[in-house]
Amino acid sequence: MTLTNEQAQAAYLRAKDALDAISKSRQATQRQKDAARAQRDALTLEFIGTNIAAVEERTAKFQSFIANMTGLIEDLSADALLRGMRGLTEVITAAQPLLAGNGAED
């Protein structure tokens, strides 16, 4: 299976929604909200709306997305488990198998 632009965009948009939920959560600390907003803005600038024809480039960009979101999950989950964090974790868990068959290393 080859990662498509549509699959990547769907994952990016789901991650954006999860980051929005964290940034608006009453349970989130200010640090969590700020981190979620920063990642959401970076996601919007770097990933959302990008269509890449070459599978290798698309795969590398998607791997970068997963690494960024995984780092954020690890950082923010040290404070508290939020609904948005669960949503973001679900996005990344569902996104990782999309790299299968793209020559990506685990």
N, C-alpha and C. Protein backbone atom coordinates (compact mmCIF):
# COMPACT_ATOMS: atom_id res chain seq x y z
N MET A 1 0.83 -1.17 0.00
CA MET A 1 0.00 0.00 0.00
C MET A 1 0.89 1.25 0.00
N THR A 2 0.52 2.23 -0.78
CA THR A 2 1.27 3.47 -0.87
C THR A 2 0.50 4.58 -0.17
N LEU A 3 1.18 5.33 0.64
CA LEU A 3 0.59 6.48 1.32
C LEU A 3 0.17 7.51 0.28
N THR A 4 -1.09 7.88 0.29
CA THR A 4 -1.59 8.87 -0.66
C THR A 4 -1.64 10.25 -0.01
N ASN A 5 -1.69 11.26 -0.86
CA ASN A 5 -1.86 12.63 -0.35
C ASN A 5 -3.14 12.74 0.46
N GLU A 6 -4.19 12.07 0.01
CA GLU A 6 -5.47 12.13 0.70
C GLU A 6 -5.38 11.54 2.11
N GLN A 7 -4.69 10.40 2.24
CA GLN A 7 -4.51 9.79 3.55
C GLN A 7 -3.70 10.71 4.47
N ALA A 8 -2.64 11.28 3.93
CA ALA A 8 -1.81 12.18 4.72
C ALA A 8 -2.61 13.39 5.16
N GLN A 9 -3.35 14.00 4.25
CA GLN A 9 -4.14 15.17 4.59
C GLN A 9 -5.20 14.86 5.64
N ALA A 10 -5.83 13.70 5.53
CA ALA A 10 -6.84 13.31 6.51
C ALA A 10 -6.21 13.20 7.90
N ALA A 11 -5.03 12.62 7.99
CA ALA A 11 -4.34 12.50 9.28
C ALA A 11 -3.94 13.88 9.80
N TYR A 12 -3.45 14.75 8.92
CA TYR A 12 -3.06 16.10 9.34
C TYR A 12 -4.27 16.86 9.90
N LEU A 13 -5.41 16.74 9.23
CA LEU A 13 -6.60 17.46 9.67
C LEU A 13 -7.14 16.90 10.99
N ARG A 14 -7.07 15.57 11.17
CA ARG A 14 -7.50 14.99 12.45
C ARG A 14 -6.58 15.45 13.58
N ALA A 15 -5.29 15.53 13.28
CA ALA A 15 -4.34 16.01 14.29
C ALA A 15 -4.63 17.48 14.63
N LYS A 16 -4.94 18.28 13.64
CA LYS A 16 -5.27 19.69 13.88
C LYS A 16 -6.49 19.80 14.80
N ASP A 17 -7.50 18.98 14.55
CA ASP A 17 -8.69 18.98 15.40
C ASP A 17 -8.34 18.61 16.84
N ALA A 18 -7.48 17.61 17.01
CA ALA A 18 -7.07 17.18 18.36
C ALA A 18 -6.28 18.29 19.04
N LEU A 19 -5.41 18.96 18.30
CA LEU A 19 -4.64 20.07 18.88
C LEU A 19 -5.56 21.24 19.25
N ASP A 20 -6.57 21.49 18.43
CA ASP A 20 -7.56 22.52 18.78
C ASP A 20 -8.26 22.17 20.08
N ALA A 21 -8.62 20.89 20.23
CA ALA A 21 -9.30 20.46 21.46
C ALA A 21 -8.42 20.68 22.68
N ILE A 22 -7.14 20.41 22.55
CA ILE A 22 -6.22 20.63 23.68
C ILE A 22 -6.12 22.12 23.98
N SER A 23 -5.99 22.93 22.95
CA SER A 23 -5.82 24.38 23.17
C SER A 23 -7.05 25.03 23.78
N LYS A 24 -8.21 24.40 23.65
CA LYS A 24 -9.46 24.95 24.19
C LYS A 24 -9.93 24.25 25.47
N SER A 25 -9.21 23.24 25.88
CA SER A 25 -9.62 22.44 27.03
C SER A 25 -9.49 23.23 28.33
N ARG A 26 -10.49 23.11 29.17
CA ARG A 26 -10.44 23.73 30.49
C ARG A 26 -9.49 22.97 31.41
N GLN A 27 -9.24 21.71 31.09
CA GLN A 27 -8.37 20.88 31.92
C GLN A 27 -6.90 21.08 31.59
N ALA A 28 -6.61 21.66 30.43
CA ALA A 28 -5.22 21.83 30.01
C ALA A 28 -4.56 22.97 30.77
N THR A 29 -3.29 22.78 31.06
CA THR A 29 -2.52 23.86 31.66
C THR A 29 -2.20 24.87 30.57
N GLN A 30 -1.75 26.04 30.97
CA GLN A 30 -1.38 27.06 29.98
C GLN A 30 -0.23 26.55 29.11
N ARG A 31 0.70 25.83 29.69
CA ARG A 31 1.82 25.26 28.92
C ARG A 31 1.32 24.30 27.87
N GLN A 32 0.36 23.46 28.22
CA GLN A 32 -0.21 22.51 27.27
C GLN A 32 -0.93 23.25 26.14
N LYS A 33 -1.70 24.26 26.50
CA LYS A 33 -2.42 25.04 25.50
C LYS A 33 -1.45 25.72 24.54
N ASP A 34 -0.41 26.32 25.09
CA ASP A 34 0.58 27.00 24.26
C ASP A 34 1.29 26.03 23.32
N ALA A 35 1.66 24.86 23.85
CA ALA A 35 2.34 23.86 23.03
C ALA A 35 1.42 23.34 21.93
N ALA A 36 0.15 23.13 22.27
CA ALA A 36 -0.81 22.65 21.27
C ALA A 36 -1.02 23.69 20.17
N ARG A 37 -1.12 24.95 20.55
CA ARG A 37 -1.29 26.02 19.55
C ARG A 37 -0.07 26.12 18.65
N ALA A 38 1.11 26.03 19.24
CA ALA A 38 2.34 26.12 18.45
C ALA A 38 2.42 24.96 17.45
N GLN A 39 2.12 23.75 17.90
CA GLN A 39 2.15 22.60 16.99
C GLN A 39 1.05 22.69 15.94
N ARG A 40 -0.11 23.19 16.32
CA ARG A 40 -1.20 23.36 15.36
C ARG A 40 -0.79 24.35 14.27
N ASP A 41 -0.16 25.45 14.66
CA ASP A 41 0.29 26.44 13.69
C ASP A 41 1.36 25.87 12.77
N ALA A 42 2.30 25.12 13.35
CA ALA A 42 3.35 24.49 12.53
C ALA A 42 2.75 23.47 11.59
N LEU A 43 1.79 22.71 12.07
CA LEU A 43 1.11 21.71 11.25
C LEU A 43 0.43 22.38 10.07
N THR A 44 -0.24 23.49 10.34
CA THR A 44 -0.94 24.22 9.29
C THR A 44 0.05 24.74 8.24
N LEU A 45 1.17 25.27 8.68
CA LEU A 45 2.15 25.83 7.75
C LEU A 45 2.92 24.78 6.98
N GLU A 46 3.30 23.70 7.64
CA GLU A 46 4.21 22.73 7.04
C GLU A 46 3.54 21.54 6.37
N PHE A 47 2.34 21.19 6.80
CA PHE A 47 1.76 19.93 6.34
C PHE A 47 0.41 20.08 5.64
N ILE A 48 -0.51 20.79 6.25
CA ILE A 48 -1.87 20.86 5.70
C ILE A 48 -1.85 21.58 4.36
N GLY A 49 -2.45 20.95 3.37
CA GLY A 49 -2.54 21.53 2.04
C GLY A 49 -1.38 21.20 1.12
N THR A 50 -0.39 20.48 1.63
CA THR A 50 0.73 20.12 0.78
C THR A 50 0.43 18.81 0.06
N ASN A 51 0.61 18.82 -1.23
CA ASN A 51 0.46 17.61 -2.03
C ASN A 51 1.81 17.33 -2.67
N ILE A 52 2.31 16.15 -2.44
CA ILE A 52 3.64 15.78 -2.91
C ILE A 52 3.51 14.59 -3.85
N ALA A 53 3.98 14.77 -5.07
CA ALA A 53 3.85 13.72 -6.08
C ALA A 53 4.74 12.52 -5.80
N ALA A 54 5.97 12.75 -5.36
CA ALA A 54 6.92 11.66 -5.14
C ALA A 54 6.60 10.96 -3.83
N VAL A 55 6.41 9.65 -3.91
CA VAL A 55 6.07 8.85 -2.73
C VAL A 55 7.14 8.97 -1.66
N GLU A 56 8.39 8.98 -2.05
CA GLU A 56 9.48 9.04 -1.08
C GLU A 56 9.43 10.35 -0.29
N GLU A 57 9.19 11.46 -0.98
CA GLU A 57 9.10 12.76 -0.30
C GLU A 57 7.88 12.82 0.61
N ARG A 58 6.76 12.30 0.13
CA ARG A 58 5.53 12.29 0.91
C ARG A 58 5.72 11.45 2.17
N THR A 59 6.38 10.29 2.01
CA THR A 59 6.64 9.41 3.14
C THR A 59 7.54 10.08 4.17
N ALA A 60 8.59 10.74 3.70
CA ALA A 60 9.50 11.43 4.62
C ALA A 60 8.78 12.54 5.37
N LYS A 61 7.93 13.28 4.69
CA LYS A 61 7.18 14.35 5.34
C LYS A 61 6.21 13.77 6.37
N PHE A 62 5.58 12.66 6.02
CA PHE A 62 4.64 12.02 6.93
C PHE A 62 5.37 11.47 8.16
N GLN A 63 6.55 10.92 7.96
CA GLN A 63 7.36 10.45 9.08
C GLN A 63 7.71 11.62 10.01
N SER A 64 8.01 12.77 9.43
CA SER A 64 8.30 13.96 10.22
C SER A 64 7.08 14.38 11.04
N PHE A 65 5.92 14.33 10.41
CA PHE A 65 4.66 14.64 11.10
C PHE A 65 4.47 13.71 12.29
N ILE A 66 4.64 12.42 12.08
CA ILE A 66 4.46 11.44 13.16
C ILE A 66 5.47 11.70 14.28
N ALA A 67 6.70 11.97 13.93
CA ALA A 67 7.72 12.25 14.94
C ALA A 67 7.38 13.51 15.74
N ASN A 68 6.93 14.56 15.07
CA ASN A 68 6.55 15.79 15.76
C ASN A 68 5.40 15.56 16.73
N MET A 69 4.38 14.87 16.27
CA MET A 69 3.20 14.64 17.11
C MET A 69 3.51 13.68 18.24
N THR A 70 4.35 12.68 17.99
CA THR A 70 4.74 11.75 19.03
C THR A 70 5.51 12.47 20.14
N GLY A 71 6.40 13.37 19.74
CA GLY A 71 7.14 14.17 20.72
C GLY A 71 6.21 15.03 21.56
N LEU A 72 5.22 15.62 20.91
CA LEU A 72 4.25 16.44 21.65
C LEU A 72 3.44 15.59 22.61
N ILE A 73 3.01 14.42 22.16
CA ILE A 73 2.24 13.52 23.03
C ILE A 73 3.06 13.17 24.27
N GLU A 74 4.32 12.81 24.06
CA GLU A 74 5.18 12.45 25.19
C GLU A 74 5.37 13.63 26.13
N ASP A 75 5.55 14.81 25.57
CA ASP A 75 5.77 16.00 26.39
C ASP A 75 4.52 16.37 27.18
N LEU A 76 3.39 16.43 26.52
CA LEU A 76 2.17 16.88 27.19
C LEU A 76 1.56 15.83 28.10
N SER A 77 1.74 14.58 27.79
CA SER A 77 1.12 13.55 28.62
C SER A 77 1.80 13.45 29.98
N ALA A 78 2.94 14.06 30.13
CA ALA A 78 3.59 14.08 31.43
C ALA A 78 2.78 14.92 32.42
N ASP A 79 1.98 15.86 31.91
CA ASP A 79 1.17 16.72 32.78
C ASP A 79 -0.19 16.12 33.11
N ALA A 80 -0.90 15.65 32.09
CA ALA A 80 -2.26 15.14 32.31
C ALA A 80 -2.76 14.49 31.03
N LEU A 81 -3.72 13.61 31.18
CA LEU A 81 -4.34 12.99 30.01
C LEU A 81 -5.60 13.77 29.68
N LEU A 82 -5.59 14.39 28.54
CA LEU A 82 -6.71 15.20 28.10
C LEU A 82 -7.44 14.50 26.97
N ARG A 83 -8.68 14.88 26.75
CA ARG A 83 -9.45 14.33 25.64
C ARG A 83 -8.72 14.57 24.31
N GLY A 84 -8.17 15.75 24.14
CA GLY A 84 -7.43 16.06 22.93
C GLY A 84 -6.19 15.19 22.76
N MET A 85 -5.55 14.87 23.90
CA MET A 85 -4.37 14.00 23.85
C MET A 85 -4.77 12.61 23.38
N ARG A 86 -5.90 12.13 23.87
CA ARG A 86 -6.36 10.81 23.41
C ARG A 86 -6.64 10.86 21.92
N GLY A 87 -7.25 11.95 21.47
CA GLY A 87 -7.54 12.10 20.05
C GLY A 87 -6.28 12.14 19.22
N LEU A 88 -5.28 12.89 19.68
CA LEU A 88 -4.02 12.98 18.96
C LEU A 88 -3.30 11.63 18.95
N THR A 89 -3.34 10.93 20.07
CA THR A 89 -2.73 9.60 20.14
C THR A 89 -3.41 8.65 19.16
N GLU A 90 -4.74 8.73 19.06
CA GLU A 90 -5.46 7.88 18.11
C GLU A 90 -5.06 8.20 16.67
N VAL A 91 -4.88 9.48 16.35
CA VAL A 91 -4.46 9.88 15.00
C VAL A 91 -3.11 9.25 14.66
N ILE A 92 -2.17 9.36 15.58
CA ILE A 92 -0.82 8.85 15.32
C ILE A 92 -0.82 7.32 15.26
N THR A 93 -1.58 6.68 16.12
CA THR A 93 -1.67 5.22 16.09
C THR A 93 -2.24 4.76 14.75
N ALA A 94 -3.24 5.46 14.24
CA ALA A 94 -3.84 5.11 12.95
C ALA A 94 -2.94 5.50 11.79
N ALA A 95 -2.12 6.53 11.96
CA ALA A 95 -1.28 7.03 10.87
C ALA A 95 -0.06 6.16 10.61
N GLN A 96 0.50 5.59 11.63
CA GLN A 96 1.75 4.83 11.46
C GLN A 96 1.62 3.69 10.45
N PRO A 97 0.54 2.91 10.45
CA PRO A 97 0.44 1.83 9.46
C PRO A 97 0.35 2.34 8.01
N LEU A 98 0.00 3.60 7.81
CA LEU A 98 -0.06 4.14 6.46
C LEU A 98 1.30 4.18 5.80
N LEU A 99 2.35 4.11 6.61
CA LEU A 99 3.70 4.12 6.05
C LEU A 99 4.15 2.75 5.55
N ALA A 100 3.42 1.70 5.90
CA ALA A 100 3.77 0.35 5.47
C ALA A 100 3.74 0.30 3.94
N GLY A 101 4.76 -0.27 3.37
CA GLY A 101 4.82 -0.39 1.92
C GLY A 101 5.39 0.82 1.24
N ASN A 102 5.85 1.82 2.02
CA ASN A 102 6.44 3.01 1.43
C ASN A 102 7.95 3.03 1.63
N GLY A 103 8.50 1.91 2.04
CA GLY A 103 9.94 1.84 2.27
C GLY A 103 10.35 2.53 3.55
N ALA A 104 9.39 2.79 4.42
CA ALA A 104 9.69 3.48 5.68
C ALA A 104 10.20 2.48 6.70
N GLU A 105 11.12 2.98 7.51
CA GLU A 105 11.62 2.16 8.60
C GLU A 105 10.79 2.43 9.82
N ASP A 106 10.58 1.42 10.66
CA ASP A 106 9.78 1.60 11.88
C ASP A 106 10.54 2.34 12.93
